[in-house]
Amino acid sequence: MDLLDAFAHPHAPDFSVIARLSPVIQIHLLAALAAFAVATWQLIGPKGTIPHRVIGWAWVVAMFTVAVSSFFIQEINPGSLSFIHILSVLTLIGLVRLVWEARRHNIKGHRGQALGLYIGGLVVAGVFTFLPGRAMWHIFFA
């Protein structure tokens, strides 16, 4: 199925694709979805509260899981890492900086790291998963 044909003939998502993915990709997907949901809540919810801090730590764990699990996914370049793993390294660095800025009470720096991780580590990386041949492509378009 070519790209235009996929968009011309929409269908309901085929979530059975998830069951056929490797366990590491399933973990990666679940952690990414959790991180996206939690981050969206964090961005619109009140800041500086105890729930924000607790939920923030849950987000850090989810993002860490996404980044680390990605190193075990080598479908683009079988047997080795690919260009997309640069995002994983940047995510890990960003998580350290996010926590560092929060601990220093540098709200501007913390906010910048949070937005950068949300946009770069979740939105941009997430867009790549919808490329033809990738898992999300198969779920929604194939």
Foldseek 3Di string as FASTA:
>chain_A
DDDVVLVVDWDAFDPVLLVVDDPLVNLLVVLLVLLLVLLVCLVPDDPPDPVNVVSVVVNLVSLLSNLVSVQVDQPVPPPHDDPLNVLSVVSVVLSVQLVVCVVVVVVVSNVVSSVCCNCSVRVVSVVVQCPPPHSRVNRTGD
